[in-house]
Structures are given as structure tokens and as C-alpha cells.
N, C-alpha and C. Protein backbone atom coordinates (compact mmCIF):
# COMPACT_ATOMS: atom_id res chain seq x y z
N UNK A 1 0.50 -0.78 0.10
CA UNK A 1 0.07 -0.13 0.23
C UNK A 1 0.64 1.15 0.01
N UNK A 2 2.13 1.37 0.24
CA UNK A 2 3.13 2.92 0.78
C UNK A 2 3.52 2.99 -0.20
N UNK A 3 3.58 1.68 -1.67
CA UNK A 3 3.81 2.62 -2.97
C UNK A 3 2.73 2.57 -4.15
N UNK A 4 1.08 1.55 -3.18
CA UNK A 4 0.37 2.98 -3.80
C UNK A 4 -0.32 4.49 -3.91
N UNK A 5 -0.07 4.49 -2.24
CA UNK A 5 0.55 5.45 -1.48
C UNK A 5 1.06 7.19 -3.00
N UNK A 6 2.37 6.75 -2.88
CA UNK A 6 3.33 7.40 -3.73
C UNK A 6 2.66 7.71 -4.04
N UNK A 7 1.86 6.70 -5.78
CA UNK A 7 2.00 7.22 -6.85
C UNK A 7 0.89 8.41 -6.74
N UNK A 8 0.13 7.36 -5.62
CA UNK A 8 -1.22 8.65 -5.77
C UNK A 8 -0.47 10.58 -5.07
N UNK A 9 -0.32 10.15 -4.70
CA UNK A 9 0.18 11.15 -4.30
C UNK A 9 1.19 12.56 -5.30
N UNK A 10 2.28 11.46 -5.83
CA UNK A 10 2.59 12.18 -7.41
C UNK A 10 1.20 12.33 -8.13
N UNK A 11 0.55 11.07 -8.35
CA UNK A 11 -0.36 12.02 -9.86
C UNK A 11 -0.64 13.26 -9.23
N UNK A 12 -0.87 13.58 -7.72
CA UNK A 12 -1.88 14.54 -7.47
C UNK A 12 -0.86 15.97 -7.65
N UNK A 13 0.21 15.90 -6.88
CA UNK A 13 1.40 16.63 -7.60
C UNK A 13 1.26 16.92 -9.53
N UNK A 14 1.28 15.98 -9.62
CA UNK A 14 1.39 16.37 -11.00
C UNK A 14 0.58 17.25 -11.63
N UNK A 15 -0.81 16.87 -11.62
CA UNK A 15 -2.60 17.41 -11.80
C UNK A 15 -1.94 18.49 -11.23
N UNK A 16 -1.99 18.69 -10.42
CA UNK A 16 -1.51 20.55 -9.37
C UNK A 16 -1.11 21.37 -10.49
N UNK A 17 0.15 20.50 -10.59
CA UNK A 17 1.72 21.79 -11.56
C UNK A 17 1.09 22.01 -12.99
N UNK A 18 -0.44 20.68 -13.09
CA UNK A 18 -0.88 20.91 -15.00
C UNK A 18 -1.65 21.81 -14.77
N UNK A 19 -1.95 21.49 -13.69
CA UNK A 19 -3.95 22.61 -14.14
C UNK A 19 -3.09 24.57 -13.51
N UNK A 20 -2.33 24.07 -13.32
CA UNK A 20 -1.32 25.75 -13.09
C UNK A 20 -1.59 26.50 -14.61
N UNK A 21 -0.28 25.08 -15.11
CA UNK A 21 -0.45 25.37 -16.47
C UNK A 21 -1.87 25.82 -17.07
N UNK A 22 -2.96 25.06 -16.55
CA UNK A 22 -4.46 24.87 -17.99
C UNK A 22 -3.82 24.14 -18.43
N UNK A 23 -2.85 21.87 -18.24
CA UNK A 23 -2.75 21.01 -19.21
C UNK A 23 -3.86 20.19 -19.17
N UNK A 24 -3.91 19.07 -19.63
CA UNK A 24 -4.10 17.79 -19.28
C UNK A 24 -3.79 17.80 -19.53
N UNK A 25 -3.99 16.23 -17.85
CA UNK A 25 -3.42 15.55 -17.67
C UNK A 25 -4.04 14.38 -18.49
N UNK A 26 -3.20 13.41 -19.20
CA UNK A 26 -3.17 12.44 -19.53
C UNK A 26 -2.78 11.05 -19.23
N UNK A 27 -3.37 10.34 -18.24
CA UNK A 27 -2.82 8.99 -17.74
C UNK A 27 -3.40 8.08 -18.38
N UNK A 28 -2.35 6.87 -18.76
CA UNK A 28 -2.50 5.46 -19.23
C UNK A 28 -2.52 5.01 -17.32
N UNK A 29 -3.49 3.66 -17.81
CA UNK A 29 -2.46 2.70 -16.20
C UNK A 29 -2.83 1.90 -16.91
N UNK A 30 -2.08 0.63 -16.61
CA UNK A 30 -1.57 -0.79 -17.65
C UNK A 30 -1.58 -1.54 -15.68
N UNK A 31 -3.08 -2.98 -16.16
CA UNK A 31 -3.18 -2.98 -14.66
C UNK A 31 -3.71 -4.12 -14.57
N UNK A 32 -3.13 -5.67 -14.27
CA UNK A 32 -3.92 -7.26 -14.01
C UNK A 32 -6.13 -6.69 -13.58
N UNK A 33 -6.62 -7.74 -14.59
CA UNK A 33 -8.25 -7.30 -14.36
C UNK A 33 -8.92 -7.71 -13.91
N UNK A 34 -8.64 -9.11 -12.54
CA UNK A 34 -8.57 -9.38 -12.05
C UNK A 34 -8.16 -9.53 -10.34
N UNK A 35 -6.68 -8.51 -10.40
CA UNK A 35 -6.32 -8.39 -9.88
C UNK A 35 -6.78 -7.83 -8.27
N UNK A 36 -6.71 -8.39 -7.28
CA UNK A 36 -7.50 -7.19 -6.28
C UNK A 36 -7.05 -6.03 -5.48
N UNK A 37 -5.36 -5.78 -5.54
CA UNK A 37 -4.52 -4.66 -6.18
C UNK A 37 -5.35 -3.95 -6.29
N UNK A 38 -4.90 -3.93 -7.80
CA UNK A 38 -5.90 -3.33 -9.09
C UNK A 38 -6.69 -2.67 -8.84
N UNK A 39 -8.26 -3.86 -8.67
CA UNK A 39 -9.09 -3.02 -8.17
C UNK A 39 -9.17 -2.79 -7.01
N UNK A 40 -8.47 -2.79 -6.10
CA UNK A 40 -8.68 -1.71 -4.99
C UNK A 40 -8.21 -0.46 -5.40
N UNK A 41 -7.39 -0.03 -6.03
CA UNK A 41 -6.27 1.03 -6.91
C UNK A 41 -7.84 1.40 -7.01
N UNK A 42 -8.10 0.91 -8.41
CA UNK A 42 -8.92 1.01 -9.14
C UNK A 42 -10.44 2.25 -8.15
N UNK A 43 -10.83 1.62 -7.80
CA UNK A 43 -11.38 1.86 -6.83
C UNK A 43 -12.02 2.94 -5.70
N UNK A 44 -11.43 2.83 -4.84
CA UNK A 44 -10.92 3.93 -3.53
C UNK A 44 -9.48 4.82 -3.75
N UNK A 45 -9.26 4.61 -4.40
CA UNK A 45 -7.53 6.08 -5.28
C UNK A 45 -8.42 6.32 -6.78
N UNK A 46 -8.71 6.50 -7.02
CA UNK A 46 -8.47 6.75 -9.09
C UNK A 46 -10.08 7.10 -9.11
N UNK A 47 -11.00 6.14 -8.92
CA UNK A 47 -12.00 6.98 -8.95
C UNK A 47 -12.18 8.25 -8.43
N UNK A 48 -12.13 8.08 -7.00
CA UNK A 48 -12.33 9.07 -6.26
C UNK A 48 -12.28 10.49 -6.36
N UNK A 49 -11.00 10.34 -6.61
CA UNK A 49 -9.66 10.99 -7.79
C UNK A 49 -10.13 12.19 -8.67
N UNK A 50 -11.11 11.09 -9.74
CA UNK A 50 -11.35 11.55 -10.70
C UNK A 50 -12.19 11.95 -10.76
N UNK A 51 -13.46 11.35 -9.67
CA UNK A 51 -13.94 12.56 -9.29
C UNK A 51 -14.77 13.48 -9.62
N UNK A 52 -13.20 14.19 -8.34
CA UNK A 52 -12.88 15.79 -8.27
C UNK A 52 -12.12 15.99 -8.71
N UNK A 53 -11.89 15.98 -10.10
CA UNK A 53 -11.44 16.47 -11.18
C UNK A 53 -12.73 16.32 -12.36
N UNK A 54 -12.44 17.42 -13.14
CA UNK A 54 -12.71 17.88 -14.60
C UNK A 54 -12.50 16.72 -15.71
N UNK A 55 -13.69 16.28 -16.77
CA UNK A 55 -12.69 15.99 -17.60
C UNK A 55 -11.89 16.14 -18.50
N UNK A 56 -11.96 17.80 -18.48
CA UNK A 56 -10.71 18.46 -19.11
C UNK A 56 -9.18 18.73 -18.22
N UNK A 57 -9.40 18.29 -17.33
CA UNK A 57 -7.87 17.67 -16.07
C UNK A 57 -7.53 16.93 -16.79
N UNK A 58 -8.18 15.41 -17.11
CA UNK A 58 -7.44 14.51 -16.57
C UNK A 58 -8.10 14.15 -17.83
N UNK A 59 -7.46 12.35 -18.36
CA UNK A 59 -7.86 11.87 -19.16
C UNK A 59 -7.18 10.05 -18.74
N UNK A 60 -8.43 9.27 -18.75
CA UNK A 60 -8.12 7.88 -17.68
C UNK A 60 -6.68 7.31 -18.87
N UNK A 61 -6.95 6.04 -19.72
CA UNK A 61 -6.49 5.14 -20.16
C UNK A 61 -6.00 3.48 -19.85
N UNK A 62 -7.42 2.79 -19.60
CA UNK A 62 -7.43 1.71 -18.84
C UNK A 62 -6.57 0.85 -19.84
N UNK A 63 -5.73 -0.45 -19.75
CA UNK A 63 -4.91 -1.06 -20.09
C UNK A 63 -5.25 -2.14 -19.58
N UNK A 64 -5.31 -3.24 -19.51
CA UNK A 64 -5.21 -4.89 -18.74
C UNK A 64 -4.69 -5.56 -19.35
N UNK A 65 -3.08 -5.45 -18.82
CA UNK A 65 -2.39 -6.89 -19.14
C UNK A 65 -1.25 -7.07 -18.35
N UNK A 66 -1.95 -7.75 -17.46
CA UNK A 66 -1.82 -8.38 -16.89
C UNK A 66 -0.99 -10.34 -16.96
N UNK A 67 -0.61 -10.73 -16.03
CA UNK A 67 0.79 -11.44 -16.74
C UNK A 67 0.67 -11.63 -18.68
N UNK A 68 0.57 -10.85 -19.18
CA UNK A 68 0.80 -11.03 -20.48
C UNK A 68 2.35 -10.41 -20.94
N UNK A 69 1.74 -11.20 -22.19
CA UNK A 69 3.93 -11.20 -23.11
C UNK A 69 4.03 -10.60 -24.38
N UNK A 70 5.00 -9.87 -24.36
CA UNK A 70 4.83 -9.07 -25.56
C UNK A 70 6.10 -9.01 -26.78
N UNK A 71 5.24 -9.87 -27.93
CA UNK A 71 5.94 -10.21 -29.31
C UNK A 71 6.16 -9.09 -30.37
N UNK A 72 6.90 -9.09 -31.49
CA UNK A 72 6.85 -8.93 -32.32
C UNK A 72 6.19 -9.56 -33.59
């Protein structure tokens, strides 16, 4: 949970800096779809933060990526 809190705090600082400059923040979230930690992060940290901001300030792209492999 400590790492998740650091990520959330970092995201808030980045959003604050972008808002001061009038820029939107694009966030791409790679997550494992059925992972309890991913679900908990999205439900209890990311979603409430997103509700506080308008769509003009934060755009989130969700990429389910758990236990995947990449090849050419």
C-alpha cells in the first residue's frame, strides 16, 4: 500500500502542476483485470480522484495487461 500511496501523491502533484499551467493530464493505467490490488487502487483511489477533477483536467486510458507477454 505504501507504493500505491506514493503513486497517488505523485499523480496529485503532477495534476496540480498541470492545472496551474492550464494543461490536461493523460494517464495510461496498465493493470491486471482481476487483481485485487488493481481493483482496490481503481475503486478507492483513482476513481474518487477522478470524480474530484473534470474531464478537461484528467483523461484515463485503461490497459488490461496482467500476466501478458509482448512479442514482435
